[in-house]
Amino acid sequence: MNQVQDTGALKSFLQKRTAWFSWYDVHPDEPNSILNQIHLMVLSEMSYRVMLEEQKHATDKDSTAIPLLAHLVVSGYFSSQILAIRRLFDHADDVISLRRVLNDVKAHRHLLTREIFVSFDGTPYEQPRPAAIIRELQPVGSPFSLHRRSKQRHERFDLLAKVSSATRSRFDRVHLDIFSKLDAWLDNSGAQRLIKLSHKYLAHAADPSSRKNIKLTGLAFSEVESIQMAIIRTCRAIFDIILISGVHSPVVPLVPLGYFGRVWDGDKMVVSTSRMQDHWDKLEKIRNKWPENLDVDLCA
């Protein structure tokens, strides 16, 4: 039995949802996927910070002590972070970017109704009666039961639509305030300053009259973290909460064994020591906490 009454809207939503997730997911046919862009941005920044910390233990024999190499590493870090931010904030309609996804989801808000949110994948829209619950293969207490899933989706949509459970309608929509909140997360992240800076110094060699008061400065780690957190939280809000990805993965992807290579330990080269892994783990722990309380912050 079809749980969605507006079948035309459901068909359109499923087509758009497929397109949005094709831009998002990591897969071999799309090297520019949003998730791949985010992974590269995060790994590049974390790797730089671990290497920078490791330089404190370098000897004269270490290649990282060579000034030319140090210059290239710093330059590469600076350029890679700004380029990643520019790409994810790109407004163009022929690119794969987080900003484009947000704009497109917002433009199709008319498809984000309660009945589609709850039942786009066949989940029952109506709360089953006790007798029907008993007949389910999964017990009612299981998070995977149809009853539980329907109940949780209705409760989440109450928050997204800003309505009470007593006034629910099949055609409630995700409230515009939700999209305003997502826009604010990106707009207030500090990314625009770096994007303007990149226009004047990286993408273009602007003359003094064009640069005005925009000065080339370094990247503070706190500044990069603030922008990355806004990107990740906005991305997770769109795909995990509004579009119900059903996947809850850590922010920092796994790196292969031996990722840190060999380092100096006194006068000897050894396989990377625990100090590099410890520093990495600390950075990873912070980033994996960024999506916490996302429901509350998004719908407050």
Protein backbone atom coordinates (compact mmCIF):
# COMPACT_ATOMS: atom_id res chain seq x y z
CA MET A 1 0.00 0.00 0.00
CA ASN A 2 1.33 3.41 -0.99
CA GLN A 3 1.73 5.52 2.16
CA VAL A 4 2.11 8.83 0.27
CA GLN A 5 -1.03 10.41 -1.18
CA ASP A 6 0.73 12.92 -3.45
CA THR A 7 2.44 10.35 -5.70
CA GLY A 8 3.56 12.99 -8.19
CA ALA A 9 5.46 14.86 -5.50
CA LEU A 10 6.93 11.59 -4.24
CA LYS A 11 8.25 10.74 -7.71
CA SER A 12 9.82 14.18 -8.06
CA PHE A 13 11.34 13.96 -4.57
CA LEU A 14 12.90 10.56 -5.22
CA GLN A 15 14.45 11.85 -8.44
CA LYS A 16 15.88 14.91 -6.69
CA ARG A 17 17.03 12.88 -3.70
CA THR A 18 18.93 10.54 -6.01
CA ALA A 19 20.62 13.52 -7.68
CA TRP A 20 21.53 15.15 -4.36
CA PHE A 21 23.08 11.97 -3.01
CA SER A 22 24.97 11.42 -6.28
CA TRP A 23 26.67 14.76 -5.60
CA TYR A 24 27.30 13.83 -1.98
CA ASP A 25 28.46 10.20 -1.76
CA VAL A 26 31.97 8.96 -2.42
CA HIS A 27 31.98 6.69 -5.48
CA PRO A 28 34.50 5.93 -8.25
CA ASP A 29 32.55 7.70 -11.00
CA GLU A 30 32.53 11.08 -9.24
CA PRO A 31 35.88 12.36 -7.93
CA ASN A 32 34.36 15.75 -7.06
CA SER A 33 31.70 14.48 -4.66
CA ILE A 34 31.03 16.70 -1.65
CA LEU A 35 32.07 14.03 0.83
CA ASN A 36 35.31 13.46 -1.04
CA GLN A 37 36.03 17.21 -1.02
CA ILE A 38 35.41 17.34 2.73
CA HIS A 39 37.56 14.28 3.44
CA LEU A 40 40.49 15.74 1.48
CA MET A 41 40.11 19.10 3.21
CA VAL A 42 40.05 17.56 6.70
CA LEU A 43 42.88 15.09 6.06
CA SER A 44 45.07 17.79 4.53
CA GLU A 45 44.62 20.09 7.51
CA MET A 46 45.13 17.36 10.12
CA SER A 47 48.19 15.98 8.34
CA TYR A 48 49.77 19.43 8.22
CA ARG A 49 49.20 19.99 11.91
CA VAL A 50 50.66 16.60 12.86
CA MET A 51 53.68 17.23 10.65
CA LEU A 52 54.14 20.72 12.11
CA GLU A 53 54.18 19.27 15.61
CA GLU A 54 56.61 16.55 14.54
CA GLN A 55 59.05 19.15 13.24
CA LYS A 56 59.79 20.04 16.85
CA HIS A 57 61.52 16.64 17.10
CA ALA A 58 63.38 16.87 13.78
CA THR A 59 67.16 16.69 13.50
CA ASP A 60 69.43 18.29 10.93
CA LYS A 61 69.21 15.04 8.97
CA ASP A 62 65.47 15.32 8.59
CA SER A 63 64.23 16.50 5.20
CA THR A 64 61.53 18.60 6.91
CA ALA A 65 64.33 20.79 8.28
CA ILE A 66 65.13 22.00 4.74
CA PRO A 67 63.73 25.59 4.45
CA LEU A 68 62.61 25.08 0.85
CA LEU A 69 60.55 22.02 1.74
CA ALA A 70 59.06 23.82 4.73
CA HIS A 71 58.03 26.71 2.46
CA LEU A 72 56.38 24.36 -0.04
CA VAL A 73 54.48 22.53 2.71
CA VAL A 74 53.15 25.75 4.24
CA SER A 75 52.22 27.12 0.82
CA GLY A 76 50.47 23.88 -0.09
CA TYR A 77 48.50 23.85 3.15
CA PHE A 78 47.39 27.45 2.68
CA SER A 79 46.34 26.93 -0.94
CA SER A 80 44.62 23.57 -0.37
CA GLN A 81 42.43 24.85 2.47
CA ILE A 82 41.34 28.01 0.67
CA LEU A 83 40.69 26.12 -2.55
CA ALA A 84 38.61 23.51 -0.72
CA ILE A 85 36.55 26.23 0.94
CA ARG A 86 36.04 28.07 -2.35
CA ARG A 87 34.85 24.87 -4.05
CA LEU A 88 32.36 23.96 -1.32
CA PHE A 89 30.94 27.50 -1.20
CA ASP A 90 30.61 27.86 -4.99
CA HIS A 91 27.15 29.12 -6.04
CA ALA A 92 27.35 28.08 -9.72
CA ASP A 93 24.67 25.73 -11.07
CA ASP A 94 27.15 23.53 -12.95
CA VAL A 95 29.39 22.55 -10.02
CA ILE A 96 29.19 20.05 -7.17
CA SER A 97 29.25 22.12 -4.02
CA LEU A 98 27.63 22.27 -0.61
CA ARG A 99 26.19 25.70 -1.34
CA ARG A 100 24.58 24.43 -4.55
CA VAL A 101 22.99 21.50 -2.71
CA LEU A 102 21.62 23.76 0.01
CA ASN A 103 20.19 26.17 -2.55
CA ASP A 104 18.63 23.33 -4.55
CA VAL A 105 17.08 21.60 -1.53
CA LYS A 106 15.66 24.96 -0.42
CA ALA A 107 14.28 25.60 -3.92
CA HIS A 108 12.46 22.25 -3.73
CA ARG A 109 11.09 22.79 -0.25
CA HIS A 110 7.61 22.11 -1.63
CA LEU A 111 8.63 18.44 -1.90
CA LEU A 112 9.77 18.24 1.72
CA THR A 113 6.35 17.40 3.19
CA ARG A 114 5.66 15.33 6.29
CA GLU A 115 4.17 12.40 4.38
CA ILE A 116 7.20 12.21 2.08
CA PHE A 117 9.64 12.64 4.97
CA VAL A 118 8.02 9.79 6.91
CA SER A 119 7.02 7.42 4.12
CA PHE A 120 9.23 8.02 1.05
CA ASP A 121 10.74 4.54 1.54
CA GLY A 122 7.52 2.70 2.45
CA THR A 123 7.57 3.43 6.17
CA PRO A 124 3.94 3.56 7.41
CA TYR A 125 2.60 7.08 7.73
CA GLU A 126 -0.10 6.23 10.28
CA GLN A 127 0.89 4.96 13.70
CA PRO A 128 -0.04 1.24 13.75
CA ARG A 129 -2.49 -0.05 16.32
CA PRO A 130 -1.20 -2.40 19.04
CA ALA A 131 -2.44 -5.51 17.22
CA ALA A 132 -0.55 -4.48 14.10
CA ILE A 133 2.58 -3.82 16.13
CA ILE A 134 2.52 -7.34 17.54
CA ARG A 135 2.41 -8.76 14.02
CA GLU A 136 5.63 -7.00 13.07
CA LEU A 137 8.65 -9.22 12.68
CA GLN A 138 10.73 -6.74 14.67
CA PRO A 139 9.73 -6.07 18.30
CA VAL A 140 8.31 -2.63 19.02
CA GLY A 141 11.31 -1.72 21.13
CA SER A 142 13.71 -2.31 18.24
CA PRO A 143 14.97 0.88 16.58
CA PHE A 144 14.48 -0.87 13.25
CA SER A 145 10.79 -1.66 13.69
CA LEU A 146 8.37 0.07 11.35
CA HIS A 147 6.46 1.45 14.32
CA ARG A 148 9.55 2.92 15.91
CA ARG A 149 10.85 4.39 12.66
CA SER A 150 7.51 6.06 11.84
CA LYS A 151 7.25 7.50 15.35
CA GLN A 152 10.79 8.88 15.29
CA ARG A 153 10.33 10.48 11.88
CA HIS A 154 7.08 12.17 12.89
CA GLU A 155 8.73 13.54 16.02
CA ARG A 156 11.71 14.83 14.09
CA PHE A 157 9.48 16.43 11.48
CA ASP A 158 7.52 18.20 14.23
CA LEU A 159 10.77 20.01 14.99
CA LEU A 160 11.67 20.63 11.34
CA ALA A 161 8.19 21.98 10.52
CA LYS A 162 7.81 23.79 13.87
CA VAL A 163 4.39 22.28 14.59
CA SER A 164 3.02 20.36 17.55
CA SER A 165 2.09 16.69 17.42
CA ALA A 166 -1.55 17.71 17.93
CA THR A 167 -1.64 19.83 14.76
CA ARG A 168 0.18 17.53 12.35
CA SER A 169 -0.77 17.50 8.68
CA ARG A 170 0.43 15.33 5.83
CA PHE A 171 1.43 18.46 3.97
CA ASP A 172 3.42 20.24 6.65
CA ARG A 173 6.72 21.39 5.16
CA VAL A 174 10.21 21.91 6.49
CA HIS A 175 10.07 25.42 7.94
CA LEU A 176 11.95 28.21 6.18
CA ASP A 177 13.70 28.98 9.47
CA ILE A 178 15.61 25.71 9.12
CA PHE A 179 17.15 26.88 5.85
CA SER A 180 17.84 30.31 7.31
CA LYS A 181 19.76 28.59 10.09
CA LEU A 182 21.83 26.59 7.58
CA ASP A 183 22.53 29.72 5.54
CA ALA A 184 23.65 31.50 8.72
CA TRP A 185 26.00 28.66 9.68
CA LEU A 186 27.80 29.05 6.36
CA ASP A 187 27.59 32.85 6.14
CA ASN A 188 28.90 33.36 9.68
CA SER A 189 31.69 30.78 9.45
CA GLY A 190 34.33 33.27 8.32
CA ALA A 191 34.69 31.64 4.92
CA GLN A 192 33.82 34.77 2.97
CA ARG A 193 36.94 36.57 4.19
CA LEU A 194 39.14 33.77 2.91
CA ILE A 195 37.24 33.56 -0.36
CA LYS A 196 37.71 37.31 -0.95
CA LEU A 197 41.38 36.97 -0.06
CA SER A 198 41.77 34.11 -2.55
CA HIS A 199 40.15 36.20 -5.30
CA LYS A 200 42.78 38.91 -4.80
CA TYR A 201 45.89 36.81 -4.23
CA LEU A 202 45.40 33.24 -5.50
CA ALA A 203 42.86 33.14 -8.32
CA HIS A 204 43.80 36.64 -9.50
CA ALA A 205 46.78 38.94 -9.02
CA ALA A 206 44.75 42.00 -8.03
CA ASP A 207 46.31 45.46 -8.21
CA PRO A 208 46.35 47.79 -5.14
CA SER A 209 43.17 49.64 -6.12
CA SER A 210 41.28 46.36 -6.36
CA ARG A 211 42.70 44.85 -3.17
CA LYS A 212 41.72 47.88 -1.06
CA ASN A 213 41.84 46.76 2.60
CA ILE A 214 42.07 43.02 1.92
CA LYS A 215 45.51 41.98 3.14
CA LEU A 216 47.25 38.65 2.67
CA THR A 217 47.49 36.98 6.07
CA GLY A 218 48.19 33.54 7.45
CA LEU A 219 45.57 30.98 8.33
CA ALA A 220 44.93 30.54 12.03
CA PHE A 221 44.06 26.96 12.95
CA SER A 222 41.01 28.20 14.88
CA GLU A 223 39.81 30.02 11.75
CA VAL A 224 40.09 26.90 9.61
CA GLU A 225 38.41 24.76 12.26
CA SER A 226 35.47 27.18 12.50
CA ILE A 227 34.87 27.01 8.75
CA GLN A 228 35.30 23.25 8.57
CA MET A 229 32.88 22.74 11.45
CA ALA A 230 30.25 24.92 9.74
CA ILE A 231 30.69 22.96 6.49
CA ILE A 232 30.41 19.58 8.17
CA ARG A 233 27.47 20.48 10.40
CA THR A 234 25.57 22.02 7.47
CA CYS A 235 26.29 18.99 5.30
CA ARG A 236 25.18 16.53 8.00
CA ALA A 237 22.04 18.56 8.68
CA ILE A 238 21.04 18.38 5.02
CA PHE A 239 21.84 14.76 4.31
CA ASP A 240 21.46 13.03 7.68
CA ILE A 241 18.53 14.98 9.13
CA ILE A 242 16.49 16.53 6.31
CA LEU A 243 17.15 13.83 3.68
CA ILE A 244 17.53 10.92 6.14
CA SER A 245 20.73 9.35 4.82
CA GLY A 246 20.53 6.52 7.36
CA VAL A 247 24.35 6.55 7.55
CA HIS A 248 26.16 7.86 10.60
CA SER A 249 29.88 7.82 9.93
CA PRO A 250 32.69 9.65 11.75
CA VAL A 251 33.81 13.00 10.38
CA VAL A 252 37.43 11.89 9.98
CA PRO A 253 37.85 8.97 7.56
CA LEU A 254 40.16 6.07 8.34
CA VAL A 255 43.74 6.39 7.09
CA PRO A 256 45.84 3.39 5.99
CA LEU A 257 48.39 1.72 8.22
CA GLY A 258 51.78 3.39 7.89
CA TYR A 259 50.17 6.71 6.98
CA PHE A 260 52.75 8.63 9.03
CA GLY A 261 55.72 6.86 7.47
CA ARG A 262 59.10 7.06 9.24
CA VAL A 263 60.27 9.72 11.67
CA TRP A 264 63.32 10.60 13.71
CA ASP A 265 63.63 9.17 17.20
CA GLY A 266 66.86 10.58 18.57
CA ASP A 267 69.51 9.74 15.96
CA LYS A 268 67.57 6.90 14.34
CA MET A 269 64.86 6.68 11.73
CA VAL A 270 62.01 4.53 13.02
CA VAL A 271 58.45 3.72 12.05
CA SER A 272 56.24 6.64 13.11
CA THR A 273 56.13 6.93 16.86
CA SER A 274 53.13 7.08 19.12
CA ARG A 275 53.45 10.87 19.50
CA MET A 276 52.21 11.39 15.91
CA GLN A 277 49.32 8.99 16.42
CA ASP A 278 48.45 10.62 19.75
CA HIS A 279 48.31 14.07 18.15
CA TRP A 280 46.20 12.72 15.29
CA ASP A 281 43.81 11.04 17.75
CA LYS A 282 43.31 14.30 19.65
CA LEU A 283 42.47 16.19 16.45
CA GLU A 284 40.20 13.35 15.30
CA LYS A 285 38.29 13.28 18.60
CA ILE A 286 37.50 17.00 18.33
CA ARG A 287 36.27 16.75 14.75
CA ASN A 288 34.16 13.67 15.31
CA LYS A 289 32.26 15.61 17.99
CA TRP A 290 31.26 18.42 15.64
CA PRO A 291 27.91 16.84 14.59
CA GLU A 292 26.82 16.32 18.22
CA ASN A 293 23.48 17.94 19.24
CA LEU A 294 22.82 18.77 15.61
CA ASP A 295 19.06 18.20 15.90
CA VAL A 296 18.81 20.54 18.86
CA ASP A 297 20.94 23.29 17.32
CA LEU A 298 19.21 23.09 13.95
CA CYS A 299 15.66 23.20 15.28
CA ALA A 300 16.16 25.51 18.27
